[in-house]
């Protein structure tokens, strides 16, 4: 059983930055991949980015060039650095153990709100 806990959300003005963290209860390196998804009310969860154990990375087109995913195995944590935020990035952000198709484990989510 893996538990994922997100943190780092908040309220920021358009153009600003936030860094989200996803901490695993066990070793983050035991997960083959860790991803970020986001969801608005009444919408499906949308893929944002993933990072694999071999270091390969992919992003959704909507965030390429603005978001950066990284991980710190020593801290069992995956980060999502979000720059040049837009109001359309407002969502609840979740981490997961899948890639572009979600895996089994979800965190509780962290709210990101970008004001115009």
C-alpha atoms as a PDB file:
ATOM      1  CA  UNK A   1       0.000   0.000   0.000  1.00  0.00           C
ATOM      2  CA  UNK A   2       1.346   3.395  -1.015  1.00  0.00           C
ATOM      3  CA  UNK A   3       0.117   6.691   0.377  1.00  0.00           C
ATOM      4  CA  UNK A   4       0.696   9.892  -1.541  1.00  0.00           C
ATOM      5  CA  UNK A   5       0.337  13.280   0.136  1.00  0.00           C
ATOM      6  CA  UNK A   6       0.258  16.508  -1.856  1.00  0.00           C
ATOM      7  CA  UNK A   7       1.081  19.948  -0.527  1.00  0.00           C
ATOM      8  CA  UNK A   8       2.070  23.390  -1.740  1.00  0.00           C
ATOM      9  CA  UNK A   9      -1.152  24.644  -3.273  1.00  0.00           C
ATOM     10  CA  UNK A  10      -2.494  28.105  -2.653  1.00  0.00           C
ATOM     11  CA  UNK A  11      -3.675  31.361  -4.150  1.00  0.00           C
ATOM     12  CA  UNK A  12      -1.427  33.174  -6.596  1.00  0.00           C
ATOM     13  CA  UNK A  13      -1.842  35.941  -9.148  1.00  0.00           C
ATOM     14  CA  UNK A  14      -1.621  35.219 -12.856  1.00  0.00           C
ATOM     15  CA  UNK A  15       2.010  35.100 -13.930  1.00  0.00           C
ATOM     16  CA  UNK A  16       3.139  33.852 -10.539  1.00  0.00           C
ATOM     17  CA  UNK A  17       4.647  30.548  -9.437  1.00  0.00           C
ATOM     18  CA  UNK A  18       3.943  27.707  -7.048  1.00  0.00           C
ATOM     19  CA  UNK A  19       5.774  24.492  -6.231  1.00  0.00           C
ATOM     20  CA  UNK A  20       3.726  21.437  -5.400  1.00  0.00           C
ATOM     21  CA  UNK A  21       5.116  18.469  -3.504  1.00  0.00           C
ATOM     22  CA  UNK A  22       4.007  14.838  -3.529  1.00  0.00           C
ATOM     23  CA  UNK A  23       5.447  12.775  -0.717  1.00  0.00           C
ATOM     24  CA  UNK A  24       5.163   8.992  -0.660  1.00  0.00           C
ATOM     25  CA  UNK A  25       4.675   7.037   2.552  1.00  0.00           C
ATOM     26  CA  UNK A  26       7.340   4.590   1.468  1.00  0.00           C
ATOM     27  CA  UNK A  27      10.200   4.843  -0.960  1.00  0.00           C
ATOM     28  CA  UNK A  28       9.280   6.998  -3.956  1.00  0.00           C
ATOM     29  CA  UNK A  29      11.770   4.994  -5.975  1.00  0.00           C
ATOM     30  CA  UNK A  30       9.598   1.895  -5.456  1.00  0.00           C
ATOM     31  CA  UNK A  31       7.070   3.491  -7.775  1.00  0.00           C
ATOM     32  CA  UNK A  32       7.933   3.055 -11.454  1.00  0.00           C
ATOM     33  CA  UNK A  33       6.330   6.364 -12.285  1.00  0.00           C
ATOM     34  CA  UNK A  34       4.769   9.313 -10.473  1.00  0.00           C
ATOM     35  CA  UNK A  35       2.454  11.721 -12.195  1.00  0.00           C
ATOM     36  CA  UNK A  36       0.429  14.849 -11.560  1.00  0.00           C
ATOM     37  CA  UNK A  37      -3.186  15.238 -12.568  1.00  0.00           C
ATOM     38  CA  UNK A  38      -5.618  18.071 -12.071  1.00  0.00           C
ATOM     39  CA  UNK A  39      -9.367  18.304 -11.846  1.00  0.00           C
ATOM     40  CA  UNK A  40     -11.934  21.050 -11.914  1.00  0.00           C
ATOM     41  CA  UNK A  41     -15.374  20.629 -10.437  1.00  0.00           C
ATOM     42  CA  UNK A  42     -17.583  18.565 -12.768  1.00  0.00           C
ATOM     43  CA  UNK A  43     -14.613  17.704 -15.023  1.00  0.00           C
ATOM     44  CA  UNK A  44     -12.586  14.538 -15.377  1.00  0.00           C
ATOM     45  CA  UNK A  45      -9.088  14.426 -13.974  1.00  0.00           C
ATOM     46  CA  UNK A  46      -6.621  15.661 -16.573  1.00  0.00           C
ATOM     47  CA  UNK A  47      -3.029  14.489 -17.012  1.00  0.00           C
ATOM     48  CA  UNK A  48      -0.398  17.152 -16.303  1.00  0.00           C
ATOM     49  CA  UNK A  49       3.041  15.479 -16.138  1.00  0.00           C
ATOM     50  CA  UNK A  50       4.850  12.278 -15.195  1.00  0.00           C
ATOM     51  CA  UNK A  51       8.357  11.256 -14.249  1.00  0.00           C
ATOM     52  CA  UNK A  52       9.623   7.696 -14.486  1.00  0.00           C
ATOM     53  CA  UNK A  53      12.324   5.968 -12.463  1.00  0.00           C
ATOM     54  CA  UNK A  54      14.677   6.187 -15.425  1.00  0.00           C
ATOM     55  CA  UNK A  55      14.211   9.958 -15.395  1.00  0.00           C
ATOM     56  CA  UNK A  56      12.093  10.195 -18.530  1.00  0.00           C
ATOM     57  CA  UNK A  57       9.461  12.908 -18.379  1.00  0.00           C
ATOM     58  CA  UNK A  58       6.409  13.993 -20.305  1.00  0.00           C
ATOM     59  CA  UNK A  59       3.995  16.908 -20.038  1.00  0.00           C
ATOM     60  CA  UNK A  60       0.558  17.803 -21.251  1.00  0.00           C
ATOM     61  CA  UNK A  61       0.687  20.323 -24.082  1.00  0.00           C
ATOM     62  CA  UNK A  62      -1.143  22.887 -21.944  1.00  0.00           C
ATOM     63  CA  UNK A  63       1.735  23.090 -19.450  1.00  0.00           C
ATOM     64  CA  UNK A  64       4.839  22.468 -21.581  1.00  0.00           C
ATOM     65  CA  UNK A  65       7.412  25.196 -21.122  1.00  0.00           C
ATOM     66  CA  UNK A  66       5.769  26.428 -17.893  1.00  0.00           C
ATOM     67  CA  UNK A  67       5.731  23.429 -15.534  1.00  0.00           C
ATOM     68  CA  UNK A  68       8.681  21.262 -14.484  1.00  0.00           C
ATOM     69  CA  UNK A  69       8.426  17.893 -12.757  1.00  0.00           C
ATOM     70  CA  UNK A  70      11.327  16.563 -10.704  1.00  0.00           C
ATOM     71  CA  UNK A  71      11.988  14.187  -7.845  1.00  0.00           C
ATOM     72  CA  UNK A  72      14.194  13.800  -4.815  1.00  0.00           C
ATOM     73  CA  UNK A  73      14.557  10.113  -3.988  1.00  0.00           C
ATOM     74  CA  UNK A  74      16.265  10.885  -0.682  1.00  0.00           C
ATOM     75  CA  UNK A  75      13.145  12.781   0.417  1.00  0.00           C
ATOM     76  CA  UNK A  76      10.660  10.389  -1.262  1.00  0.00           C
ATOM     77  CA  UNK A  77       9.155  13.438  -2.921  1.00  0.00           C
ATOM     78  CA  UNK A  78       8.131  14.475  -6.413  1.00  0.00           C
ATOM     79  CA  UNK A  79       7.806  18.171  -7.176  1.00  0.00           C
ATOM     80  CA  UNK A  80       5.847  20.152  -9.717  1.00  0.00           C
ATOM     81  CA  UNK A  81       7.265  23.606 -10.277  1.00  0.00           C
ATOM     82  CA  UNK A  82       4.585  25.749 -11.907  1.00  0.00           C
ATOM     83  CA  UNK A  83       5.626  29.046 -13.477  1.00  0.00           C
ATOM     84  CA  UNK A  84       3.734  31.670 -15.467  1.00  0.00           C
ATOM     85  CA  UNK A  85       0.497  30.453 -13.994  1.00  0.00           C
ATOM     86  CA  UNK A  86      -2.781  31.266 -15.718  1.00  0.00           C
ATOM     87  CA  UNK A  87      -6.335  31.413 -14.360  1.00  0.00           C
ATOM     88  CA  UNK A  88      -7.033  28.297 -16.453  1.00  0.00           C
ATOM     89  CA  UNK A  89      -4.532  26.405 -14.255  1.00  0.00           C
ATOM     90  CA  UNK A  90      -6.938  26.745 -11.323  1.00  0.00           C
ATOM     91  CA  UNK A  91      -7.750  23.191 -10.233  1.00  0.00           C
ATOM     92  CA  UNK A  92      -7.218  20.618  -7.544  1.00  0.00           C
ATOM     93  CA  UNK A  93      -3.883  18.905  -8.246  1.00  0.00           C
ATOM     94  CA  UNK A  94      -3.342  15.235  -7.448  1.00  0.00           C
ATOM     95  CA  UNK A  95      -0.379  12.919  -7.636  1.00  0.00           C
ATOM     96  CA  UNK A  96      -0.722   9.372  -8.890  1.00  0.00           C
ATOM     97  CA  UNK A  97       1.366   6.313  -9.709  1.00  0.00           C
ATOM     98  CA  UNK A  98       0.350   6.106 -13.392  1.00  0.00           C
ATOM     99  CA  UNK A  99       1.412   7.867 -16.554  1.00  0.00           C
ATOM    100  CA  UNK A 100      -1.076   9.299 -19.021  1.00  0.00           C
ATOM    101  CA  UNK A 101      -3.502   6.615 -17.859  1.00  0.00           C
ATOM    102  CA  UNK A 102      -3.966   6.878 -14.086  1.00  0.00           C
ATOM    103  CA  UNK A 103      -2.607   4.217 -11.794  1.00  0.00           C
ATOM    104  CA  UNK A 104      -4.019   2.811  -8.607  1.00  0.00           C
ATOM    105  CA  UNK A 105      -2.970   5.326  -5.954  1.00  0.00           C
ATOM    106  CA  UNK A 106      -4.171   8.898  -5.484  1.00  0.00           C
ATOM    107  CA  UNK A 107      -3.357  11.544  -2.945  1.00  0.00           C
ATOM    108  CA  UNK A 108      -5.997  13.775  -1.365  1.00  0.00           C
ATOM    109  CA  UNK A 109      -5.244  16.715  -3.660  1.00  0.00           C
ATOM    110  CA  UNK A 110      -4.084  20.280  -3.156  1.00  0.00           C
ATOM    111  CA  UNK A 111      -5.994  23.332  -4.391  1.00  0.00           C
ATOM    112  CA  UNK A 112      -4.333  25.774  -6.757  1.00  0.00           C
ATOM    113  CA  UNK A 113      -6.156  29.032  -7.457  1.00  0.00           C
ATOM    114  CA  UNK A 114      -4.824  31.573  -9.932  1.00  0.00           C
ATOM    115  CA  UNK A 115      -6.457  34.991  -9.888  1.00  0.00           C
ATOM    116  CA  UNK A 116      -6.569  37.242 -12.927  1.00  0.00           C
END
